[in-house]
Amino acid sequence: MSGVEVVDVPERKRFEARVDGKLAGFAEYLRHDNLVVLPHTEVDSAFEGKGVGGALARAALDDVRERGVPVLATCPFIAGWMQRHPEYLDLAYQKG
């Protein structure tokens, strides 16, 4: 969906997606020194199926890549999105 703006809102520990200035969804994160956890993503029902979730996933994962740390996607949506976009699988946290 064109017109989706995603911004990092560190004081709320999440990325927020806005469409025409309206909050359309968010992806929460927990940043640690050597890992970023993505536990929850939510898209307002009015914006479902319009690419908002994908825009949130891409923004969150691009941020993780920039930080140079792995991601633990406990959010089923983000984990599934990564499977459908294998160019992001290299970011996945690997146990020991």
C-alpha atoms as a PDB file:
ATOM      1  CA  MET A   1       0.000   0.000   0.000  1.00  0.00           C
ATOM      2  CA  SER A   2       1.465   3.306  -0.976  1.00  0.00           C
ATOM      3  CA  GLY A   3       1.108   6.059   1.554  1.00  0.00           C
ATOM      4  CA  VAL A   4       2.136   3.939   4.539  1.00  0.00           C
ATOM      5  CA  GLU A   5       4.569   5.867   6.714  1.00  0.00           C
ATOM      6  CA  VAL A   6       6.472   3.887   9.340  1.00  0.00           C
ATOM      7  CA  VAL A   7       8.354   5.633  12.131  1.00  0.00           C
ATOM      8  CA  ASP A   8      10.282   4.421  15.157  1.00  0.00           C
ATOM      9  CA  VAL A   9       8.717   5.585  18.422  1.00  0.00           C
ATOM     10  CA  PRO A  10      11.403   4.632  20.971  1.00  0.00           C
ATOM     11  CA  GLU A  11       9.521   5.957  23.985  1.00  0.00           C
ATOM     12  CA  ARG A  12       6.772   3.404  23.218  1.00  0.00           C
ATOM     13  CA  LYS A  13       9.265   0.711  22.090  1.00  0.00           C
ATOM     14  CA  ARG A  14       7.558   0.194  18.782  1.00  0.00           C
ATOM     15  CA  PHE A  15       7.360   1.122  15.135  1.00  0.00           C
ATOM     16  CA  GLU A  16       4.114   2.802  14.157  1.00  0.00           C
ATOM     17  CA  ALA A  17       2.522   2.768  10.726  1.00  0.00           C
ATOM     18  CA  ARG A  18       0.332   5.683   9.729  1.00  0.00           C
ATOM     19  CA  VAL A  19      -1.860   6.111   6.675  1.00  0.00           C
ATOM     20  CA  ASP A  20      -3.074   9.646   6.009  1.00  0.00           C
ATOM     21  CA  GLY A  21      -1.982  10.552   9.522  1.00  0.00           C
ATOM     22  CA  LYS A  22      -4.057   7.787  11.160  1.00  0.00           C
ATOM     23  CA  LEU A  23      -2.435   5.065  13.244  1.00  0.00           C
ATOM     24  CA  ALA A  24      -2.854   1.924  11.146  1.00  0.00           C
ATOM     25  CA  GLY A  25      -0.710  -0.492  13.150  1.00  0.00           C
ATOM     26  CA  PHE A  26       2.418  -1.068  15.182  1.00  0.00           C
ATOM     27  CA  ALA A  27       5.226  -3.550  15.750  1.00  0.00           C
ATOM     28  CA  GLU A  28       6.629  -3.748  19.283  1.00  0.00           C
ATOM     29  CA  TYR A  29      10.299  -4.414  19.971  1.00  0.00           C
ATOM     30  CA  LEU A  30      12.648  -5.096  22.854  1.00  0.00           C
ATOM     31  CA  ARG A  31      16.196  -3.982  22.118  1.00  0.00           C
ATOM     32  CA  HIS A  32      19.100  -5.581  23.941  1.00  0.00           C
ATOM     33  CA  ASP A  33      22.825  -5.108  23.351  1.00  0.00           C
ATOM     34  CA  ASN A  34      23.167  -8.249  21.223  1.00  0.00           C
ATOM     35  CA  LEU A  35      19.601  -9.058  20.204  1.00  0.00           C
ATOM     36  CA  VAL A  36      16.306  -7.476  19.167  1.00  0.00           C
ATOM     37  CA  VAL A  37      13.068  -9.281  20.062  1.00  0.00           C
ATOM     38  CA  LEU A  38       9.940  -8.594  18.010  1.00  0.00           C
ATOM     39  CA  PRO A  39       7.103  -9.908  20.209  1.00  0.00           C
ATOM     40  CA  HIS A  40       3.920  -8.406  18.780  1.00  0.00           C
ATOM     41  CA  THR A  41       2.508  -6.739  15.667  1.00  0.00           C
ATOM     42  CA  GLU A  42      -0.979  -5.356  15.357  1.00  0.00           C
ATOM     43  CA  VAL A  43      -2.801  -3.851  12.372  1.00  0.00           C
ATOM     44  CA  ASP A  44      -6.109  -2.026  12.720  1.00  0.00           C
ATOM     45  CA  SER A  45      -8.848  -4.051  11.010  1.00  0.00           C
ATOM     46  CA  ALA A  46      -9.629  -1.116   8.700  1.00  0.00           C
ATOM     47  CA  PHE A  47      -6.126  -1.456   7.217  1.00  0.00           C
ATOM     48  CA  GLU A  48      -5.766  -5.254   7.065  1.00  0.00           C
ATOM     49  CA  GLY A  49      -4.702  -6.650   3.714  1.00  0.00           C
ATOM     50  CA  LYS A  50      -3.331  -3.311   2.551  1.00  0.00           C
ATOM     51  CA  GLY A  51       0.383  -3.859   3.168  1.00  0.00           C
ATOM     52  CA  VAL A  52       0.603  -2.180   6.564  1.00  0.00           C
ATOM     53  CA  GLY A  53       1.910  -5.299   8.310  1.00  0.00           C
ATOM     54  CA  GLY A  54       4.521  -5.834   5.617  1.00  0.00           C
ATOM     55  CA  ALA A  55       5.656  -2.226   5.875  1.00  0.00           C
ATOM     56  CA  LEU A  56       6.027  -2.645   9.642  1.00  0.00           C
ATOM     57  CA  ALA A  57       7.954  -5.901   9.263  1.00  0.00           C
ATOM     58  CA  ARG A  58      10.295  -4.435   6.670  1.00  0.00           C
ATOM     59  CA  ALA A  59      10.979  -1.301   8.759  1.00  0.00           C
ATOM     60  CA  ALA A  60      11.625  -3.296  11.935  1.00  0.00           C
ATOM     61  CA  LEU A  61      13.904  -5.788  10.185  1.00  0.00           C
ATOM     62  CA  ASP A  62      15.784  -3.108   8.257  1.00  0.00           C
ATOM     63  CA  ASP A  63      16.421  -1.418  11.617  1.00  0.00           C
ATOM     64  CA  VAL A  64      17.735  -4.705  13.051  1.00  0.00           C
ATOM     65  CA  ARG A  65      20.038  -5.134  10.039  1.00  0.00           C
ATOM     66  CA  GLU A  66      21.367  -1.613  10.532  1.00  0.00           C
ATOM     67  CA  ARG A  67      22.111  -2.392  14.193  1.00  0.00           C
ATOM     68  CA  GLY A  68      24.075  -5.486  13.183  1.00  0.00           C
ATOM     69  CA  VAL A  69      22.428  -7.822  15.694  1.00  0.00           C
ATOM     70  CA  PRO A  70      20.182 -10.871  15.281  1.00  0.00           C
ATOM     71  CA  VAL A  71      16.414 -10.823  15.697  1.00  0.00           C
ATOM     72  CA  LEU A  72      14.196 -13.163  17.661  1.00  0.00           C
ATOM     73  CA  ALA A  73      10.776 -12.885  16.018  1.00  0.00           C
ATOM     74  CA  THR A  74       8.372 -14.320  18.597  1.00  0.00           C
ATOM     75  CA  CYS A  75       5.530 -12.533  16.811  1.00  0.00           C
ATOM     76  CA  PRO A  76       3.930 -15.103  14.474  1.00  0.00           C
ATOM     77  CA  PHE A  77       3.254 -12.457  11.823  1.00  0.00           C
ATOM     78  CA  ILE A  78       6.886 -11.259  11.687  1.00  0.00           C
ATOM     79  CA  ALA A  79       8.216 -14.831  11.744  1.00  0.00           C
ATOM     80  CA  GLY A  80       5.911 -15.797   8.871  1.00  0.00           C
ATOM     81  CA  TRP A  81       6.785 -12.649   6.949  1.00  0.00           C
ATOM     82  CA  MET A  82      10.474 -13.512   7.231  1.00  0.00           C
ATOM     83  CA  GLN A  83       9.775 -16.978   5.810  1.00  0.00           C
ATOM     84  CA  ARG A  84       8.062 -15.381   2.811  1.00  0.00           C
ATOM     85  CA  HIS A  85      10.948 -12.913   2.387  1.00  0.00           C
ATOM     86  CA  PRO A  86      14.072 -15.069   2.666  1.00  0.00           C
ATOM     87  CA  GLU A  87      16.356 -12.075   2.150  1.00  0.00           C
ATOM     88  CA  TYR A  88      15.713 -11.384   5.864  1.00  0.00           C
ATOM     89  CA  LEU A  89      16.331 -14.916   7.181  1.00  0.00           C
ATOM     90  CA  ASP A  90      20.023 -14.178   7.771  1.00  0.00           C
ATOM     91  CA  LEU A  91      18.904 -11.910  10.641  1.00  0.00           C
ATOM     92  CA  ALA A  92      17.252 -14.745  12.577  1.00  0.00           C
ATOM     93  CA  TYR A  93      18.718 -15.536  15.977  1.00  0.00           C
ATOM     94  CA  GLN A  94      20.461 -18.920  16.059  1.00  0.00           C
ATOM     95  CA  LYS A  95      20.820 -20.671  19.422  1.00  0.00           C
ATOM     96  CA  GLY A  96      24.391 -21.499  20.465  1.00  0.00           C
END
